[in-house]
C-alpha atoms as a PDB file:
ATOM      1  CA  MET A   1      -7.302   4.248  22.613  1.00  0.00           C
ATOM      2  CA  GLU A   2      -7.321   0.723  21.125  1.00  0.00           C
ATOM      3  CA  PRO A   3      -7.060   1.999  17.531  1.00  0.00           C
ATOM      4  CA  LEU A   4      -3.925   4.011  18.378  1.00  0.00           C
ATOM      5  CA  VAL A   5      -2.355   1.034  20.130  1.00  0.00           C
ATOM      6  CA  THR A   6      -3.223  -1.187  17.153  1.00  0.00           C
ATOM      7  CA  LEU A   7      -1.666   1.276  14.697  1.00  0.00           C
ATOM      8  CA  VAL A   8       1.559   1.597  16.705  1.00  0.00           C
ATOM      9  CA  VAL A   9       1.969  -2.093  17.578  1.00  0.00           C
ATOM     10  CA  VAL A  10       1.172  -3.525  14.131  1.00  0.00           C
ATOM     11  CA  THR A  11       3.308  -0.934  12.338  1.00  0.00           C
ATOM     12  CA  GLY A  12       6.164  -1.639  14.765  1.00  0.00           C
ATOM     13  CA  LEU A  13       5.919  -5.395  14.273  1.00  0.00           C
ATOM     14  CA  LEU A  14       5.892  -5.000  10.497  1.00  0.00           C
ATOM     15  CA  LEU A  15       8.915  -2.686  10.639  1.00  0.00           C
ATOM     16  CA  LEU A  16      10.695  -5.317  12.723  1.00  0.00           C
ATOM     17  CA  ALA A  17       9.777  -7.997  10.190  1.00  0.00           C
ATOM     18  CA  GLY A  18      11.227  -5.785   7.468  1.00  0.00           C
ATOM     19  CA  ALA A  19      14.439  -5.321   9.439  1.00  0.00           C
ATOM     20  CA  LEU A  20      14.673  -9.093   9.862  1.00  0.00           C
ATOM     21  CA  GLY A  21      14.470  -9.684   6.123  1.00  0.00           C
ATOM     22  CA  ALA A  22      10.858  -9.505   4.933  1.00  0.00           C
ATOM     23  CA  MET A  23      11.585  -7.741   1.645  1.00  0.00           C
ATOM     24  CA  ARG A  24       8.145  -6.193   1.114  1.00  0.00           C
ATOM     25  CA  LEU A  25       8.213  -4.615   4.565  1.00  0.00           C
ATOM     26  CA  ARG A  26      11.599  -2.941   4.276  1.00  0.00           C
ATOM     27  CA  ARG A  27       9.950   0.276   3.167  1.00  0.00           C
ATOM     28  CA  PRO A  28       8.419   2.034   6.178  1.00  0.00           C
ATOM     29  CA  THR A  29       5.418   3.113   4.110  1.00  0.00           C
ATOM     30  CA  ASN A  30       4.487  -0.532   3.541  1.00  0.00           C
ATOM     31  CA  ALA A  31       4.640  -1.240   7.274  1.00  0.00           C
ATOM     32  CA  LEU A  32       2.502   1.847   7.914  1.00  0.00           C
ATOM     33  CA  ARG A  33      -0.035   0.598   5.361  1.00  0.00           C
ATOM     34  CA  GLY A  34      -0.299  -2.653   7.322  1.00  0.00           C
ATOM     35  CA  GLY A  35      -0.709  -0.805  10.620  1.00  0.00           C
ATOM     36  CA  LEU A  36      -3.407   1.435   9.187  1.00  0.00           C
ATOM     37  CA  ALA A  37      -5.191  -1.560   7.647  1.00  0.00           C
ATOM     38  CA  ALA A  38      -5.280  -3.324  11.014  1.00  0.00           C
ATOM     39  CA  MET A  39      -6.444  -0.186  12.800  1.00  0.00           C
ATOM     40  CA  PHE A  40      -9.228   0.607  10.327  1.00  0.00           C
ATOM     41  CA  ALA A  41     -10.343  -3.042  10.257  1.00  0.00           C
ATOM     42  CA  LEU A  42     -10.688  -2.801  14.042  1.00  0.00           C
ATOM     43  CA  THR A  43     -12.622   0.468  13.933  1.00  0.00           C
ATOM     44  CA  ALA A  44     -14.789  -0.774  11.042  1.00  0.00           C
ATOM     45  CA  GLY A  45     -15.762  -3.822  13.089  1.00  0.00           C
ATOM     46  CA  ALA A  46     -16.909  -1.523  15.904  1.00  0.00           C
ATOM     47  CA  HIS A  47     -19.430  -0.001  13.474  1.00  0.00           C
ATOM     48  CA  PHE A  48     -21.295  -3.317  13.462  1.00  0.00           C
ATOM     49  CA  VAL A  49     -20.631  -5.065  16.785  1.00  0.00           C
ATOM     50  CA  GLY A  50     -19.521  -4.067  20.233  1.00  0.00           C
ATOM     51  CA  MET A  51     -19.626  -0.261  20.069  1.00  0.00           C
ATOM     52  CA  ARG A  52     -22.308   0.349  17.467  1.00  0.00           C
ATOM     53  CA  ASP A  53     -24.658   2.109  19.914  1.00  0.00           C
ATOM     54  CA  GLU A  54     -21.869   4.437  21.096  1.00  0.00           C
ATOM     55  CA  LEU A  55     -20.941   5.262  17.489  1.00  0.00           C
ATOM     56  CA  VAL A  56     -24.560   6.007  16.589  1.00  0.00           C
ATOM     57  CA  ALA A  57     -24.710   8.312  19.621  1.00  0.00           C
ATOM     58  CA  MET A  58     -21.560  10.114  18.370  1.00  0.00           C
ATOM     59  CA  VAL A  59     -23.308  11.290  15.199  1.00  0.00           C
ATOM     60  CA  PRO A  60     -24.222  14.970  15.597  1.00  0.00           C
ATOM     61  CA  PRO A  61     -28.009  15.461  15.913  1.00  0.00           C
ATOM     62  CA  ALA A  62     -28.123  17.675  12.817  1.00  0.00           C
ATOM     63  CA  LEU A  63     -27.331  14.686  10.583  1.00  0.00           C
ATOM     64  CA  PRO A  64     -30.157  12.359   9.468  1.00  0.00           C
ATOM     65  CA  ALA A  65     -30.221   8.570   9.845  1.00  0.00           C
ATOM     66  CA  PRO A  66     -27.292   8.115  12.250  1.00  0.00           C
ATOM     67  CA  GLY A  67     -27.539   4.307  12.111  1.00  0.00           C
ATOM     68  CA  LEU A  68     -27.238   4.323   8.331  1.00  0.00           C
ATOM     69  CA  LEU A  69     -24.293   6.748   8.480  1.00  0.00           C
ATOM     70  CA  VAL A  70     -22.480   4.486  10.938  1.00  0.00           C
ATOM     71  CA  THR A  71     -23.108   1.483   8.691  1.00  0.00           C
ATOM     72  CA  LEU A  72     -21.906   3.278   5.560  1.00  0.00           C
ATOM     73  CA  THR A  73     -18.761   4.624   7.230  1.00  0.00           C
ATOM     74  CA  GLY A  74     -18.048   1.149   8.615  1.00  0.00           C
ATOM     75  CA  ILE A  75     -18.294  -0.343   5.129  1.00  0.00           C
ATOM     76  CA  ALA A  76     -16.062   2.428   3.751  1.00  0.00           C
ATOM     77  CA  GLU A  77     -13.464   1.916   6.496  1.00  0.00           C
ATOM     78  CA  LEU A  78     -13.351  -1.840   5.940  1.00  0.00           C
ATOM     79  CA  THR A  79     -13.125  -1.443   2.170  1.00  0.00           C
ATOM     80  CA  CYS A  80     -10.302   1.081   2.492  1.00  0.00           C
ATOM     81  CA  ALA A  81      -8.511  -1.084   5.077  1.00  0.00           C
ATOM     82  CA  LEU A  82      -8.450  -3.875   2.510  1.00  0.00           C
ATOM     83  CA  GLY A  83      -7.470  -1.395  -0.197  1.00  0.00           C
ATOM     84  CA  LEU A  84      -4.424  -0.334   1.811  1.00  0.00           C
ATOM     85  CA  LEU A  85      -3.066  -3.869   1.526  1.00  0.00           C
ATOM     86  CA  TRP A  86      -3.094  -3.883  -2.280  1.00  0.00           C
ATOM     87  CA  SER A  87      -0.391  -1.716  -3.790  1.00  0.00           C
ATOM     88  CA  ARG A  88      -2.556  -0.548  -6.699  1.00  0.00           C
ATOM     89  CA  THR A  89      -5.281   0.868  -4.440  1.00  0.00           C
ATOM     90  CA  ALA A  90      -3.232   1.942  -1.421  1.00  0.00           C
ATOM     91  CA  ARG A  91      -3.011   5.622  -2.375  1.00  0.00           C
ATOM     92  CA  LEU A  92      -6.696   5.867  -3.243  1.00  0.00           C
ATOM     93  CA  SER A  93      -7.648   4.153   0.015  1.00  0.00           C
ATOM     94  CA  ALA A  94      -5.362   6.448   2.008  1.00  0.00           C
ATOM     95  CA  GLY A  95      -6.932   9.470   0.302  1.00  0.00           C
ATOM     96  CA  VAL A  96     -10.478   8.326   1.076  1.00  0.00           C
ATOM     97  CA  LEU A  97      -9.556   7.583   4.695  1.00  0.00           C
ATOM     98  CA  SER A  98      -7.896  11.002   5.042  1.00  0.00           C
ATOM     99  CA  ALA A  99     -11.059  12.696   3.785  1.00  0.00           C
ATOM    100  CA  MET A 100     -13.209  10.575   6.112  1.00  0.00           C
ATOM    101  CA  LEU A 101     -11.080  11.514   9.136  1.00  0.00           C
ATOM    102  CA  VAL A 102     -11.577  15.205   8.338  1.00  0.00           C
ATOM    103  CA  VAL A 103     -15.295  14.903   7.575  1.00  0.00           C
ATOM    104  CA  MET A 104     -16.007  12.791  10.650  1.00  0.00           C
ATOM    105  CA  PHE A 105     -14.109  15.068  13.047  1.00  0.00           C
ATOM    106  CA  PRO A 106     -17.312  16.878  14.125  1.00  0.00           C
ATOM    107  CA  ALA A 107     -18.574  13.519  15.430  1.00  0.00           C
ATOM    108  CA  ASN A 108     -15.438  13.324  17.563  1.00  0.00           C
ATOM    109  CA  VAL A 109     -16.062  16.835  18.880  1.00  0.00           C
ATOM    110  CA  HIS A 110     -19.673  15.866  19.661  1.00  0.00           C
ATOM    111  CA  ALA A 111     -18.490  12.679  21.434  1.00  0.00           C
ATOM    112  CA  ALA A 112     -15.972  14.610  23.546  1.00  0.00           C
ATOM    113  CA  THR A 113     -18.713  16.576  25.310  1.00  0.00           C
ATOM    114  CA  GLY A 114     -20.169  15.414  28.583  1.00  0.00           C
ATOM    115  CA  ASP A 115     -18.750  13.030  31.146  1.00  0.00           C
ATOM    116  CA  VAL A 116     -16.069  11.071  29.277  1.00  0.00           C
ATOM    117  CA  PRO A 117     -12.769   9.441  30.313  1.00  0.00           C
ATOM    118  CA  TRP A 118      -9.650  11.609  29.941  1.00  0.00           C
ATOM    119  CA  TYR A 119      -8.567   9.933  26.707  1.00  0.00           C
ATOM    120  CA  ASP A 120     -11.949  10.746  25.122  1.00  0.00           C
ATOM    121  CA  GLU A 121     -11.797  14.453  25.979  1.00  0.00           C
ATOM    122  CA  LEU A 122     -11.379  16.820  23.050  1.00  0.00           C
ATOM    123  CA  GLY A 123      -7.621  17.391  23.463  1.00  0.00           C
ATOM    124  CA  PRO A 124      -6.491  13.747  23.482  1.00  0.00           C
ATOM    125  CA  ARG A 125      -9.131  12.796  20.910  1.00  0.00           C
ATOM    126  CA  THR A 126      -7.901  15.561  18.573  1.00  0.00           C
ATOM    127  CA  ALA A 127      -4.278  14.490  19.050  1.00  0.00           C
ATOM    128  CA  THR A 128      -5.166  10.875  18.239  1.00  0.00           C
ATOM    129  CA  GLN A 129      -7.115  11.884  15.139  1.00  0.00           C
ATOM    130  CA  THR A 130      -4.145  14.025  14.063  1.00  0.00           C
ATOM    131  CA  VAL A 131      -1.853  10.978  14.320  1.00  0.00           C
ATOM    132  CA  PHE A 132      -4.283   8.937  12.214  1.00  0.00           C
ATOM    133  CA  LEU A 133      -4.553  11.711   9.631  1.00  0.00           C
ATOM    134  CA  ALA A 134      -0.764  12.124   9.490  1.00  0.00           C
ATOM    135  CA  ALA A 135      -0.412   8.374   8.890  1.00  0.00           C
ATOM    136  CA  THR A 136      -2.966   8.284   6.054  1.00  0.00           C
ATOM    137  CA  ILE A 137      -1.472  11.398   4.441  1.00  0.00           C
ATOM    138  CA  THR A 138       1.996   9.832   4.688  1.00  0.00           C
ATOM    139  CA  VAL A 139       0.798   6.798   2.743  1.00  0.00           C
ATOM    140  CA  LEU A 140      -0.984   9.057   0.266  1.00  0.00           C
ATOM    141  CA  ALA A 141       2.119  11.163  -0.326  1.00  0.00           C
ATOM    142  CA  ARG A 142       4.914   8.610  -0.074  1.00  0.00           C
ATOM    143  CA  HIS A 143       3.540   5.300  -1.340  1.00  0.00           C
ATOM    144  CA  ARG A 144       4.922   4.300  -4.700  1.00  0.00           C
ATOM    145  CA  ARG A 145       3.877   1.269  -6.633  1.00  0.00           C
ATOM    146  CA  PRO A 146       6.800  -1.011  -7.473  1.00  0.00           C
ATOM    147  CA  ALA A 147       8.357  -0.247 -10.858  1.00  0.00           C
ATOM    148  CA  THR A 148       7.174  -3.571 -12.266  1.00  0.00           C
ATOM    149  CA  GLU A 149       3.557  -2.508 -11.705  1.00  0.00           C
ATOM    150  CA  THR A 150       3.644   0.845 -13.444  1.00  0.00           C
ATOM    151  CA  PRO A 151       1.565   0.933 -16.618  1.00  0.00           C
ATOM    152  CA  ALA A 152       4.504   1.969 -18.819  1.00  0.00           C
ATOM    153  CA  VAL A 153       6.652  -0.984 -17.793  1.00  0.00           C
ATOM    154  CA  ARG A 154       3.761  -3.434 -17.819  1.00  0.00           C
ATOM    155  CA  SER A 155       2.875  -2.515 -21.406  1.00  0.00           C
ATOM    156  CA  LEU A 156       6.403  -3.271 -22.636  1.00  0.00           C
ATOM    157  CA  GLY A 157       6.182  -6.914 -21.647  1.00  0.00           C
ATOM    158  CA  PRO A 158       8.799  -8.911 -19.759  1.00  0.00           C
ATOM    159  CA  ARG A 159      12.146  -7.340 -19.058  1.00  0.00           C
ATOM    160  CA  PRO A 160      14.941  -8.525 -21.328  1.00  0.00           C
ATOM    161  CA  ARG A 161      17.662 -10.485 -19.582  1.00  0.00           C
ATOM    162  CA  PRO A 162      21.043  -8.761 -19.493  1.00  0.00           C
ATOM    163  CA  ARG A 163      23.419 -10.200 -22.071  1.00  0.00           C
ATOM    164  CA  ASP A 164      26.361 -12.179 -20.759  1.00  0.00           C
ATOM    165  CA  HIS A 165      29.228 -10.398 -22.492  1.00  0.00           C
ATOM    166  CA  ARG A 166      31.818 -13.036 -21.589  1.00  0.00           C
ATOM    167  CA  ARG A 167      29.773 -15.739 -23.280  1.00  0.00           C
ATOM    168  CA  ALA A 168      29.179 -13.575 -26.333  1.00  0.00           C
ATOM    169  CA  GLU A 169      32.913 -12.896 -26.637  1.00  0.00           C
ATOM    170  CA  ALA A 170      33.726 -16.615 -26.279  1.00  0.00           C
ATOM    171  CA  GLU A 171      31.231 -17.435 -29.028  1.00  0.00           C
ATOM    172  CA  TYR A 172      32.856 -14.853 -31.269  1.00  0.00           C
ATOM    173  CA  ARG A 173      36.352 -16.312 -30.715  1.00  0.00           C
ATOM    174  CA  GLY A 174      35.143 -19.852 -31.324  1.00  0.00           C
ATOM    175  CA  ASP A 175      35.596 -21.197 -27.797  1.00  0.00           C
ATOM    176  CA  PRO A 176      34.644 -24.910 -27.947  1.00  0.00           C
ATOM    177  CA  GLN A 177      32.592 -24.696 -24.751  1.00  0.00           C
ATOM    178  CA  SER A 178      30.315 -22.045 -26.157  1.00  0.00           C
ATOM    179  CA  GLY A 179      29.720 -23.367 -29.629  1.00  0.00           C
ATOM    180  CA  PRO A 180      31.191 -22.955 -33.078  1.00  0.00           C
ATOM    181  CA  ALA A 181      32.924 -19.785 -34.158  1.00  0.00           C
ATOM    182  CA  PRO A 182      31.053 -17.624 -36.578  1.00  0.00           C
ATOM    183  CA  ASP A 183      32.106 -17.884 -40.208  1.00  0.00           C
ATOM    184  CA  HIS A 184      33.737 -14.565 -41.166  1.00  0.00           C
ATOM    185  CA  THR A 185      34.760 -15.503 -44.705  1.00  0.00           C
ATOM    186  CA  PRO A 186      33.236 -13.366 -47.413  1.00  0.00           C
ATOM    187  CA  ARG A 187      30.333 -15.010 -49.123  1.00  0.00           C
ATOM    188  CA  THR A 188      30.368 -15.470 -52.841  1.00  0.00           C
ATOM    189  CA  SER A 189      27.473 -15.997 -55.099  1.00  0.00           C
ATOM    190  CA  SER A 190      26.597 -19.617 -55.804  1.00  0.00           C
ATOM    191  CA  SER A 191      27.102 -19.281 -59.590  1.00  0.00           C
ATOM    192  CA  SER A 192      30.686 -18.049 -59.367  1.00  0.00           C
ATOM    193  CA  ALA A 193      31.652 -20.498 -56.646  1.00  0.00           C
ATOM    194  CA  SER A 194      30.641 -23.649 -58.506  1.00  0.00           C
ATOM    195  CA  PRO A 195      33.332 -25.458 -60.481  1.00  0.00           C
ATOM    196  CA  SER A 196      32.871 -25.841 -64.178  1.00  0.00           C
END
């Protein structure tokens, strides 16, 4: 239940920050990335401290080395949580997390058996996992890197500044504030222009 609360609260706070003027958070996908990063950082931490024994017990018995699997998935979750925060790796991280949510669903089914609280029963657990998967797929599908980071724009170098047409026109007319007027007299060759 804590991961769902973390996702909702952090995403909501980031959306509010965007509404109050934080430019990078004005796009809902960016706020969702932050919420997912917080949620997966929380769940990754549980792979190492606090709930590690419960997570090892969640691994279906058919899989070998449950402790190692919990460690590896914890490392992957933490890496992807960090990757969600960097625009260049956000889509890749969201894709990896989406795949992990699907692949690890049998562990959730296994954990939902037996005497568990209502929120850990299969129905609520499936609904929660569906929300997480919808969030990661949303980032995967809707996240766009800013235009200044695309390879095509980056390879062209800095953007040219727009030309101030009023200043250019004043220079052409010879406005004293903008410099001398251009010389529009026809040029003659130096040999014919010299006096004899």
